[in-house]
Amino acid sequence: LNIVVSGAEIGLSLSVPSMDVVGFERPAADDDDRALVAIAISDLSK
């Protein structure tokens, strides 16, 4: 996680292995995998 504070703004840049977030690092194999990826992106967007 990189954090840059400038004035009243904070910039964050996060990099995390997909294994830690969705439990796999291979291409999504099915709808369940794609749902896990979509939920992770939604959660990480907050």
All heavy atoms as atom14 arrays in JSON, in Angstrom:
{
  "sequence": "LNIVVSGAEIGLSLSVPSMDVVGFERPAADDDDRALVAIAISDLSK",
  "atom14_mask": [
    [1, 1, 1, 1, 1, 1, 1, 1, 0, 0, 0, 0, 0, 0],
    [1, 1, 1, 1, 1, 1, 1, 1, 0, 0, 0, 0, 0, 0],
    [1, 1, 1, 1, 1, 1, 1, 1, 0, 0, 0, 0, 0, 0],
    [1, 1, 1, 1, 1, 1, 1, 0, 0, 0, 0, 0, 0, 0],
    [1, 1, 1, 1, 1, 1, 1, 0, 0, 0, 0, 0, 0, 0],
    [1, 1, 1, 1, 1, 1, 0, 0, 0, 0, 0, 0, 0, 0],
    [1, 1, 1, 1, 0, 0, 0, 0, 0, 0, 0, 0, 0, 0],
    [1, 1, 1, 1, 1, 0, 0, 0, 0, 0, 0, 0, 0, 0],
    [1, 1, 1, 1, 1, 1, 1, 1, 1, 0, 0, 0, 0, 0],
    [1, 1, 1, 1, 1, 1, 1, 1, 0, 0, 0, 0, 0, 0],
    [1, 1, 1, 1, 0, 0, 0, 0, 0, 0, 0, 0, 0, 0],
    [1, 1, 1, 1, 1, 1, 1, 1, 0, 0, 0, 0, 0, 0],
    [1, 1, 1, 1, 1, 1, 0, 0, 0, 0, 0, 0, 0, 0],
    [1, 1, 1, 1, 1, 1, 1, 1, 0, 0, 0, 0, 0, 0],
    [1, 1, 1, 1, 1, 1, 0, 0, 0, 0, 0, 0, 0, 0],
    [1, 1, 1, 1, 1, 1, 1, 0, 0, 0, 0, 0, 0, 0],
    [1, 1, 1, 1, 1, 1, 1, 0, 0, 0, 0, 0, 0, 0],
    [1, 1, 1, 1, 1, 1, 0, 0, 0, 0, 0, 0, 0, 0],
    [1, 1, 1, 1, 1, 1, 1, 1, 0, 0, 0, 0, 0, 0],
    [1, 1, 1, 1, 1, 1, 1, 1, 0, 0, 0, 0, 0, 0],
    [1, 1, 1, 1, 1, 1, 1, 0, 0, 0, 0, 0, 0, 0],
    [1, 1, 1, 1, 1, 1, 1, 0, 0, 0, 0, 0, 0, 0],
    [1, 1, 1, 1, 0, 0, 0, 0, 0, 0, 0, 0, 0, 0],
    [1, 1, 1, 1, 1, 1, 1, 1, 1, 1, 1, 0, 0, 0],
    [1, 1, 1, 1, 1, 1, 1, 1, 1, 0, 0, 0, 0, 0],
    [1, 1, 1, 1, 1, 1, 1, 1, 1, 1, 1, 0, 0, 0],
    [1, 1, 1, 1, 1, 1, 1, 0, 0, 0, 0, 0, 0, 0],
    [1, 1, 1, 1, 1, 0, 0, 0, 0, 0, 0, 0, 0, 0],
    [1, 1, 1, 1, 1, 0, 0, 0, 0, 0, 0, 0, 0, 0],
    [1, 1, 1, 1, 1, 1, 1, 1, 0, 0, 0, 0, 0, 0],
    [1, 1, 1, 1, 1, 1, 1, 1, 0, 0, 0, 0, 0, 0],
    [1, 1, 1, 1, 1, 1, 1, 1, 0, 0, 0, 0, 0, 0],
    [1, 1, 1, 1, 1, 1, 1, 1, 0, 0, 0, 0, 0, 0],
    [1, 1, 1, 1, 1, 1, 1, 1, 1, 1, 1, 0, 0, 0],
    [1, 1, 1, 1, 1, 0, 0, 0, 0, 0, 0, 0, 0, 0],
    [1, 1, 1, 1, 1, 1, 1, 1, 0, 0, 0, 0, 0, 0],
    [1, 1, 1, 1, 1, 1, 1, 0, 0, 0, 0, 0, 0, 0],
    [1, 1, 1, 1, 1, 0, 0, 0, 0, 0, 0, 0, 0, 0],
    [1, 1, 1, 1, 1, 1, 1, 1, 0, 0, 0, 0, 0, 0],
    [1, 1, 1, 1, 1, 0, 0, 0, 0, 0, 0, 0, 0, 0],
    [1, 1, 1, 1, 1, 1, 1, 1, 0, 0, 0, 0, 0, 0],
    [1, 1, 1, 1, 1, 1, 0, 0, 0, 0, 0, 0, 0, 0],
    [1, 1, 1, 1, 1, 1, 1, 1, 0, 0, 0, 0, 0, 0],
    [1, 1, 1, 1, 1, 1, 1, 1, 0, 0, 0, 0, 0, 0],
    [1, 1, 1, 1, 1, 1, 0, 0, 0, 0, 0, 0, 0, 0],
    [1, 1, 1, 1, 1, 1, 1, 1, 1, 0, 0, 0, 0, 0]
  ],
  "atom14_positions": [
    [[0.85, -1.19, 0.0], [0.0, 0.0, 0.0], [0.89, 1.23, 0.0], [1.72, 1.41, 0.89], [-0.91, 0.01, 1.24], [-1.85, 1.21, 1.38], [-2.89, 1.23, 0.25], [-2.54, 1.19, 2.73], [0.0, 0.0, 0.0], [0.0, 0.0, 0.0], [0.0, 0.0, 0.0], [0.0, 0.0, 0.0], [0.0, 0.0, 0.0], [0.0, 0.0, 0.0]],
    [[0.74, 2.06, -1.03], [1.43, 3.35, -1.09], [0.42, 4.43, -0.71], [-0.73, 4.4, -1.18], [1.96, 3.62, -2.5], [3.1, 2.69, -2.84], [4.04, 2.53, -2.07], [3.0, 2.06, -3.99], [0.0, 0.0, 0.0], [0.0, 0.0, 0.0], [0.0, 0.0, 0.0], [0.0, 0.0, 0.0], [0.0, 0.0, 0.0], [0.0, 0.0, 0.0]],
    [[0.87, 5.37, 0.12], [0.03, 6.47, 0.56], [0.76, 7.77, 0.27], [1.93, 7.92, 0.62], [-0.25, 6.38, 2.08], [-0.92, 5.04, 2.42], [-1.09, 7.56, 2.55], [-1.05, 4.78, 3.92], [0.0, 0.0, 0.0], [0.0, 0.0, 0.0], [0.0, 0.0, 0.0], [0.0, 0.0, 0.0], [0.0, 0.0, 0.0], [0.0, 0.0, 0.0]],
    [[0.07, 8.7, -0.38], [0.62, 10.03, -0.64], [-0.4, 11.05, -0.11], [-1.55, 11.04, -0.53], [0.87, 10.27, -2.14], [1.37, 11.69, -2.39], [1.84, 9.24, -2.69], [0.0, 0.0, 0.0], [0.0, 0.0, 0.0], [0.0, 0.0, 0.0], [0.0, 0.0, 0.0], [0.0, 0.0, 0.0], [0.0, 0.0, 0.0], [0.0, 0.0, 0.0]],
    [[0.06, 11.91, 0.8], [-0.81, 12.96, 1.33], [-0.34, 14.29, 0.76], [0.84, 14.63, 0.85], [-0.78, 12.99, 2.88], [-1.6, 14.15, 3.41], [-1.29, 11.66, 3.44], [0.0, 0.0, 0.0], [0.0, 0.0, 0.0], [0.0, 0.0, 0.0], [0.0, 0.0, 0.0], [0.0, 0.0, 0.0], [0.0, 0.0, 0.0], [0.0, 0.0, 0.0]],
    [[-1.26, 15.01, 0.16], [-0.97, 16.32, -0.42], [-2.13, 17.26, -0.08], [-3.23, 17.09, -0.6], [-0.79, 16.2, -1.93], [-0.57, 17.46, -2.51], [0.0, 0.0, 0.0], [0.0, 0.0, 0.0], [0.0, 0.0, 0.0], [0.0, 0.0, 0.0], [0.0, 0.0, 0.0], [0.0, 0.0, 0.0], [0.0, 0.0, 0.0], [0.0, 0.0, 0.0]],
    [[-1.87, 18.19, 0.8], [-2.92, 19.1, 1.22], [-4.03, 18.33, 1.92], [-3.79, 17.61, 2.87], [0.0, 0.0, 0.0], [0.0, 0.0, 0.0], [0.0, 0.0, 0.0], [0.0, 0.0, 0.0], [0.0, 0.0, 0.0], [0.0, 0.0, 0.0], [0.0, 0.0, 0.0], [0.0, 0.0, 0.0], [0.0, 0.0, 0.0], [0.0, 0.0, 0.0]],
    [[-5.26, 18.48, 1.41], [-6.41, 17.8, 2.0], [-6.74, 16.5, 1.29], [-7.79, 15.92, 1.51], [-7.62, 18.73, 1.97], [0.0, 0.0, 0.0], [0.0, 0.0, 0.0], [0.0, 0.0, 0.0], [0.0, 0.0, 0.0], [0.0, 0.0, 0.0], [0.0, 0.0, 0.0], [0.0, 0.0, 0.0], [0.0, 0.0, 0.0], [0.0, 0.0, 0.0]],
    [[-5.83, 16.02, 0.42], [-6.09, 14.81, -0.35], [-5.12, 13.7, 0.01], [-3.95, 13.94, 0.31], [-6.01, 15.12, -1.84], [-7.12, 16.05, -2.27], [-6.99, 16.47, -3.72], [-5.87, 16.5, -4.26], [-8.03, 16.78, -4.3], [0.0, 0.0, 0.0], [0.0, 0.0, 0.0], [0.0, 0.0, 0.0], [0.0, 0.0, 0.0], [0.0, 0.0, 0.0]],
    [[-5.63, 12.5, -0.05], [-4.84, 11.31, 0.22], [-4.96, 10.41, -1.0], [-6.07, 10.06, -1.41], [-5.37, 10.55, 1.46], [-5.39, 11.46, 2.68], [-4.53, 9.3, 1.72], [-6.19, 10.91, 3.85], [0.0, 0.0, 0.0], [0.0, 0.0, 0.0], [0.0, 0.0, 0.0], [0.0, 0.0, 0.0], [0.0, 0.0, 0.0], [0.0, 0.0, 0.0]],
    [[-3.83, 10.03, -1.57], [-3.81, 9.07, -2.67], [-3.36, 7.73, -2.13], [-2.39, 7.65, -1.37], [0.0, 0.0, 0.0], [0.0, 0.0, 0.0], [0.0, 0.0, 0.0], [0.0, 0.0, 0.0], [0.0, 0.0, 0.0], [0.0, 0.0, 0.0], [0.0, 0.0, 0.0], [0.0, 0.0, 0.0], [0.0, 0.0, 0.0], [0.0, 0.0, 0.0]],
    [[-4.07, 6.69, -2.46], [-3.72, 5.33, -2.04], [-3.56, 4.46, -3.27], [-4.34, 4.56, -4.21], [-4.82, 4.72, -1.16], [-5.2, 5.45, 0.12], [-6.47, 4.86, 0.71], [-4.06, 5.34, 1.12], [0.0, 0.0, 0.0], [0.0, 0.0, 0.0], [0.0, 0.0, 0.0], [0.0, 0.0, 0.0], [0.0, 0.0, 0.0], [0.0, 0.0, 0.0]],
    [[-2.56, 3.6, -3.24], [-2.34, 2.64, -4.31], [-2.09, 1.28, -3.67], [-1.12, 1.11, -2.92], [-1.13, 3.08, -5.15], [-0.88, 2.15, -6.16], [0.0, 0.0, 0.0], [0.0, 0.0, 0.0], [0.0, 0.0, 0.0], [0.0, 0.0, 0.0], [0.0, 0.0, 0.0], [0.0, 0.0, 0.0], [0.0, 0.0, 0.0], [0.0, 0.0, 0.0]],
    [[-2.97, 0.32, -3.94], [-2.94, -0.99, -3.32], [-2.65, -2.07, -4.35], [-3.22, -2.06, -5.44], [-4.3, -1.29, -2.66], [-4.5, -2.67, -2.05], [-3.65, -2.83, -0.79], [-5.98, -2.89, -1.74], [0.0, 0.0, 0.0], [0.0, 0.0, 0.0], [0.0, 0.0, 0.0], [0.0, 0.0, 0.0], [0.0, 0.0, 0.0], [0.0, 0.0, 0.0]],
    [[-1.75, -3.0, -4.01], [-1.49, -4.19, -4.83], [-1.54, -5.4, -3.91], [-0.85, -5.44, -2.9], [-0.1, -4.13, -5.48], [-0.03, -3.08, -6.39], [0.0, 0.0, 0.0], [0.0, 0.0, 0.0], [0.0, 0.0, 0.0], [0.0, 0.0, 0.0], [0.0, 0.0, 0.0], [0.0, 0.0, 0.0], [0.0, 0.0, 0.0], [0.0, 0.0, 0.0]],
    [[-2.39, -6.37, -4.28], [-2.55, -7.56, -3.43], [-2.71, -8.79, -4.31], [-3.46, -8.76, -5.29], [-3.75, -7.39, -2.46], [-5.04, -7.13, -3.19], [-3.89, -8.57, -1.53], [0.0, 0.0, 0.0], [0.0, 0.0, 0.0], [0.0, 0.0, 0.0], [0.0, 0.0, 0.0], [0.0, 0.0, 0.0], [0.0, 0.0, 0.0], [0.0, 0.0, 0.0]],
    [[-1.99, -9.88, -4.01], [-2.15, -11.1, -4.8], [-3.62, -11.56, -4.8], [-4.29, -11.54, -3.76], [-1.27, -12.12, -4.08], [-0.26, -11.3, -3.34], [-1.0, -10.05, -2.93], [0.0, 0.0, 0.0], [0.0, 0.0, 0.0], [0.0, 0.0, 0.0], [0.0, 0.0, 0.0], [0.0, 0.0, 0.0], [0.0, 0.0, 0.0], [0.0, 0.0, 0.0]],
    [[-4.1, -11.96, -5.95], [-5.5, -12.39, -6.03], [-5.77, -13.61, -5.14], [-6.89, -13.81, -4.67], [-5.92, -12.66, -7.47], [-5.16, -13.71, -8.02], [0.0, 0.0, 0.0], [0.0, 0.0, 0.0], [0.0, 0.0, 0.0], [0.0, 0.0, 0.0], [0.0, 0.0, 0.0], [0.0, 0.0, 0.0], [0.0, 0.0, 0.0], [0.0, 0.0, 0.0]],
    [[-4.75, -14.42, -4.88], [-4.9, -15.56, -3.98], [-5.41, -15.1, -2.6], [-6.25, -15.76, -2.0], [-3.56, -16.3, -3.82], [-3.61, -17.47, -2.86], [-4.68, -18.81, -3.42], [-3.59, -19.6, -4.57], [0.0, 0.0, 0.0], [0.0, 0.0, 0.0], [0.0, 0.0, 0.0], [0.0, 0.0, 0.0], [0.0, 0.0, 0.0], [0.0, 0.0, 0.0]],
    [[-4.92, -13.96, -2.13], [-5.31, -13.45, -0.82], [-6.74, -12.92, -0.8], [-7.37, -12.86, 0.24], [-4.37, -12.32, -0.39], [-2.94, -12.78, -0.21], [-2.67, -13.99, -0.29], [-2.08, -11.91, 0.02], [0.0, 0.0, 0.0], [0.0, 0.0, 0.0], [0.0, 0.0, 0.0], [0.0, 0.0, 0.0], [0.0, 0.0, 0.0], [0.0, 0.0, 0.0]],
    [[-7.24, -12.54, -1.98], [-8.56, -11.91, -2.05], [-9.65, -12.91, -2.44], [-10.7, -12.96, -1.81], [-8.51, -10.72, -3.05], [-9.88, -10.09, -3.21], [-7.5, -9.68, -2.58], [0.0, 0.0, 0.0], [0.0, 0.0, 0.0], [0.0, 0.0, 0.0], [0.0, 0.0, 0.0], [0.0, 0.0, 0.0], [0.0, 0.0, 0.0], [0.0, 0.0, 0.0]],
    [[-9.4, -13.71, -3.48], [-10.43, -14.63, -3.98], [-10.07, -16.1, -3.82], [-10.88, -16.97, -4.1], [-10.79, -14.35, -5.46], [-11.47, -12.99, -5.6], [-9.58, -14.46, -6.36], [0.0, 0.0, 0.0], [0.0, 0.0, 0.0], [0.0, 0.0, 0.0], [0.0, 0.0, 0.0], [0.0, 0.0, 0.0], [0.0, 0.0, 0.0], [0.0, 0.0, 0.0]],
    [[-8.82, -16.38, -3.4], [-8.43, -17.76, -3.15], [-7.85, -18.51, -4.33], [-7.61, -19.71, -4.25], [0.0, 0.0, 0.0], [0.0, 0.0, 0.0], [0.0, 0.0, 0.0], [0.0, 0.0, 0.0], [0.0, 0.0, 0.0], [0.0, 0.0, 0.0], [0.0, 0.0, 0.0], [0.0, 0.0, 0.0], [0.0, 0.0, 0.0], [0.0, 0.0, 0.0]],
    [[-7.61, -17.81, -5.46], [-6.99, -18.47, -6.61], [-6.27, -17.42, -7.45], [-6.56, -16.23, -7.34], [-8.01, -19.23, -7.46], [-9.15, -18.4, -7.98], [-9.03, -17.68, -9.18], [-10.35, -18.33, -7.29], [-10.08, -16.93, -9.66], [-11.41, -17.57, -7.78], [-11.27, -16.87, -8.96], [0.0, 0.0, 0.0], [0.0, 0.0, 0.0], [0.0, 0.0, 0.0]],
    [[-5.33, -17.9, -8.28], [-4.58, -17.02, -9.18], [-4.66, -17.48, -10.62], [-3.89, -17.05, -11.44], [-3.11, -16.95, -8.75], [-2.91, -16.14, -7.51], [-1.46, -15.78, -7.3], [-0.6, -16.65, -7.49], [-1.2, -14.63, -6.98], [0.0, 0.0, 0.0], [0.0, 0.0, 0.0], [0.0, 0.0, 0.0], [0.0, 0.0, 0.0], [0.0, 0.0, 0.0]],
    [[-5.55, -18.35, -10.93], [-5.74, -18.82, -12.29], [-6.88, -18.02, -12.91], [-7.62, -17.34, -12.2], [-6.1, -20.31, -12.26], [-7.35, -20.54, -11.41], [-7.81, -21.95, -11.44], [-8.7, -22.25, -10.35], [-9.87, -21.68, -10.12], [-10.31, -20.73, -10.9], [-10.61, -22.04, -9.1], [0.0, 0.0, 0.0], [0.0, 0.0, 0.0], [0.0, 0.0, 0.0]],
    [[-7.03, -18.09, -14.2], [-8.21, -17.45, -14.8], [-9.49, -18.03, -14.2], [-9.54, -19.22, -13.85], [-8.09, -17.8, -16.28], [-6.63, -18.04, -16.51], [-6.16, -18.67, -15.22], [0.0, 0.0, 0.0], [0.0, 0.0, 0.0], [0.0, 0.0, 0.0], [0.0, 0.0, 0.0], [0.0, 0.0, 0.0], [0.0, 0.0, 0.0], [0.0, 0.0, 0.0]],
    [[-10.48, -17.18, -14.04], [-11.77, -17.62, -13.52], [-12.3, -18.78, -14.37], [-12.4, -18.67, -15.59], [-12.76, -16.47, -13.51], [0.0, 0.0, 0.0], [0.0, 0.0, 0.0], [0.0, 0.0, 0.0], [0.0, 0.0, 0.0], [0.0, 0.0, 0.0], [0.0, 0.0, 0.0], [0.0, 0.0, 0.0], [0.0, 0.0, 0.0], [0.0, 0.0, 0.0]],
    [[-12.59, -19.9, -13.72], [-12.97, -21.11, -14.44], [-14.47, -21.21, -14.71], [-14.89, -21.91, -15.62], [-12.51, -22.34, -13.66], [0.0, 0.0, 0.0], [0.0, 0.0, 0.0], [0.0, 0.0, 0.0], [0.0, 0.0, 0.0], [0.0, 0.0, 0.0], [0.0, 0.0, 0.0], [0.0, 0.0, 0.0], [0.0, 0.0, 0.0], [0.0, 0.0, 0.0]],
    [[-15.27, -20.52, -13.88], [-16.72, -20.68, -14.03], [-17.42, -19.45, -13.44], [-16.79, -18.5, -13.0], [-17.18, -21.96, -13.33], [-16.75, -22.07, -11.88], [-16.62, -21.02, -11.19], [-16.53, -23.2, -11.41], [0.0, 0.0, 0.0], [0.0, 0.0, 0.0], [0.0, 0.0, 0.0], [0.0, 0.0, 0.0], [0.0, 0.0, 0.0], [0.0, 0.0, 0.0]],
    [[-18.74, -19.51, -13.43], [-19.53, -18.38, -12.93], [-19.26, -18.1, -11.45], [-19.27, -16.94, -11.03], [-21.03, -18.63, -13.15], [-21.42, -18.5, -14.61], [-20.63, -17.94, -15.4], [-22.52, -18.97, -14.97], [0.0, 0.0, 0.0], [0.0, 0.0, 0.0], [0.0, 0.0, 0.0], [0.0, 0.0, 0.0], [0.0, 0.0, 0.0], [0.0, 0.0, 0.0]],
    [[-19.01, -19.14, -10.65], [-18.71, -18.93, -9.24], [-17.41, -18.13, -9.08], [-17.33, -17.21, -8.26], [-18.6, -20.26, -8.49], [-19.94, -20.96, -8.33], [-21.0, -20.27, -8.44], [-19.94, -22.18, -8.1], [0.0, 0.0, 0.0], [0.0, 0.0, 0.0], [0.0, 0.0, 0.0], [0.0, 0.0, 0.0], [0.0, 0.0, 0.0], [0.0, 0.0, 0.0]],
    [[-16.39, -18.48, -9.85], [-15.12, -17.74, -9.81], [-15.33, -16.29, -10.24], [-14.82, -15.36, -9.62], [-14.07, -18.38, -10.71], [-13.5, -19.67, -10.16], [-13.83, -20.04, -9.0], [-12.72, -20.32, -10.89], [0.0, 0.0, 0.0], [0.0, 0.0, 0.0], [0.0, 0.0, 0.0], [0.0, 0.0, 0.0], [0.0, 0.0, 0.0], [0.0, 0.0, 0.0]],
    [[-16.08, -16.09, -11.32], [-16.33, -14.73, -11.81], [-17.11, -13.93, -10.78], [-16.86, -12.74, -10.61], [-17.05, -14.78, -13.16], [-16.11, -15.2, -14.3], [-16.78, -15.13, -15.67], [-17.66, -16.26, -15.94], [-17.23, -17.47, -16.3], [-15.95, -17.71, -16.44], [-18.09, -18.44, -16.53], [0.0, 0.0, 0.0], [0.0, 0.0, 0.0], [0.0, 0.0, 0.0]],
    [[-18.01, -14.57, -10.06], [-18.76, -13.88, -9.0], [-17.83, -13.46, -7.87], [-17.94, -12.35, -7.34], [-19.88, -14.77, -8.47], [0.0, 0.0, 0.0], [0.0, 0.0, 0.0], [0.0, 0.0, 0.0], [0.0, 0.0, 0.0], [0.0, 0.0, 0.0], [0.0, 0.0, 0.0], [0.0, 0.0, 0.0], [0.0, 0.0, 0.0], [0.0, 0.0, 0.0]],
    [[-16.88, -14.34, -7.5], [-15.9, -13.99, -6.46], [-15.07, -12.78, -6.87], [-14.81, -11.88, -6.06], [-14.99, -15.18, -6.17], [-15.59, -16.35, -5.4], [-14.6, -17.51, -5.35], [-16.0, -15.92, -4.0], [0.0, 0.0, 0.0], [0.0, 0.0, 0.0], [0.0, 0.0, 0.0], [0.0, 0.0, 0.0], [0.0, 0.0, 0.0], [0.0, 0.0, 0.0]],
    [[-14.65, -12.74, -8.13], [-13.87, -11.61, -8.64], [-14.71, -10.33, -8.6], [-14.25, -9.28, -8.16], [-13.35, -11.9, -10.07], [-12.76, -10.64, -10.69], [-12.31, -13.02, -10.03], [0.0, 0.0, 0.0], [0.0, 0.0, 0.0], [0.0, 0.0, 0.0], [0.0, 0.0, 0.0], [0.0, 0.0, 0.0], [0.0, 0.0, 0.0], [0.0, 0.0, 0.0]],
    [[-15.97, -10.41, -9.03], [-16.84, -9.23, -9.04], [-17.09, -8.71, -7.63], [-17.05, -7.49, -7.4], [-18.17, -9.57, -9.72], [0.0, 0.0, 0.0], [0.0, 0.0, 0.0], [0.0, 0.0, 0.0], [0.0, 0.0, 0.0], [0.0, 0.0, 0.0], [0.0, 0.0, 0.0], [0.0, 0.0, 0.0], [0.0, 0.0, 0.0], [0.0, 0.0, 0.0]],
    [[-17.3, -9.6, -6.68], [-17.51, -9.19, -5.29], [-16.24, -8.54, -4.74], [-16.3, -7.51, -4.05], [-17.93, -10.4, -4.41], [-19.35, -10.83, -4.8], [-17.85, -10.06, -2.93], [-19.75, -12.19, -4.24], [0.0, 0.0, 0.0], [0.0, 0.0, 0.0], [0.0, 0.0, 0.0], [0.0, 0.0, 0.0], [0.0, 0.0, 0.0], [0.0, 0.0, 0.0]],
    [[-15.09, -9.12, -5.04], [-13.82, -8.55, -4.58], [-13.61, -7.15, -5.13], [-13.22, -6.23, -4.4], [-12.66, -9.47, -4.97], [0.0, 0.0, 0.0], [0.0, 0.0, 0.0], [0.0, 0.0, 0.0], [0.0, 0.0, 0.0], [0.0, 0.0, 0.0], [0.0, 0.0, 0.0], [0.0, 0.0, 0.0], [0.0, 0.0, 0.0], [0.0, 0.0, 0.0]],
    [[-13.88, -6.96, -6.43], [-13.72, -5.64, -7.03], [-14.68, -4.65, -6.37], [-14.3, -3.51, -6.07], [-13.9, -5.7, -8.56], [-12.7, -6.4, -9.19], [-14.09, -4.3, -9.15], [-12.82, -6.68, -10.67], [0.0, 0.0, 0.0], [0.0, 0.0, 0.0], [0.0, 0.0, 0.0], [0.0, 0.0, 0.0], [0.0, 0.0, 0.0], [0.0, 0.0, 0.0]],
    [[-15.89, -5.08, -6.11], [-16.85, -4.21, -5.43], [-16.36, -3.83, -4.04], [-16.38, -2.65, -3.66], [-18.22, -4.91, -5.34], [-19.12, -4.13, -4.6], [0.0, 0.0, 0.0], [0.0, 0.0, 0.0], [0.0, 0.0, 0.0], [0.0, 0.0, 0.0], [0.0, 0.0, 0.0], [0.0, 0.0, 0.0], [0.0, 0.0, 0.0], [0.0, 0.0, 0.0]],
    [[-15.89, -4.81, -3.27], [-15.39, -4.52, -1.91], [-14.15, -3.63, -1.95], [-14.01, -2.71, -1.14], [-15.06, -5.83, -1.18], [-16.3, -6.62, -0.8], [-17.43, -6.08, -0.91], [-16.14, -7.78, -0.39], [0.0, 0.0, 0.0], [0.0, 0.0, 0.0], [0.0, 0.0, 0.0], [0.0, 0.0, 0.0], [0.0, 0.0, 0.0], [0.0, 0.0, 0.0]],
    [[-13.24, -3.91, -2.88], [-12.02, -3.11, -2.98], [-12.29, -1.7, -3.5], [-11.46, -0.81, -3.36], [-11.01, -3.8, -3.88], [-10.33, -5.03, -3.27], [-9.63, -5.86, -4.36], [-9.36, -4.63, -2.18], [0.0, 0.0, 0.0], [0.0, 0.0, 0.0], [0.0, 0.0, 0.0], [0.0, 0.0, 0.0], [0.0, 0.0, 0.0], [0.0, 0.0, 0.0]],
    [[-13.47, -1.46, -4.06], [-13.83, -0.14, -4.57], [-14.38, 0.78, -3.48], [-14.79, 1.9, -3.77], [-14.86, -0.28, -5.7], [-14.27, -0.95, -6.8], [0.0, 0.0, 0.0], [0.0, 0.0, 0.0], [0.0, 0.0, 0.0], [0.0, 0.0, 0.0], [0.0, 0.0, 0.0], [0.0, 0.0, 0.0], [0.0, 0.0, 0.0], [0.0, 0.0, 0.0]],
    [[-14.36, 0.32, -2.24], [-14.85, 1.11, -1.1], [-13.7, 1.31, -0.11], [-13.68, 0.7, 0.96], [-16.02, 0.38, -0.44], [-17.18, 0.13, -1.38], [-18.18, -0.8, -0.77], [-19.19, -1.24, -1.83], [-19.87, -2.46, -1.46], [0.0, 0.0, 0.0], [0.0, 0.0, 0.0], [0.0, 0.0, 0.0], [0.0, 0.0, 0.0], [0.0, 0.0, 0.0]]
  ]
}
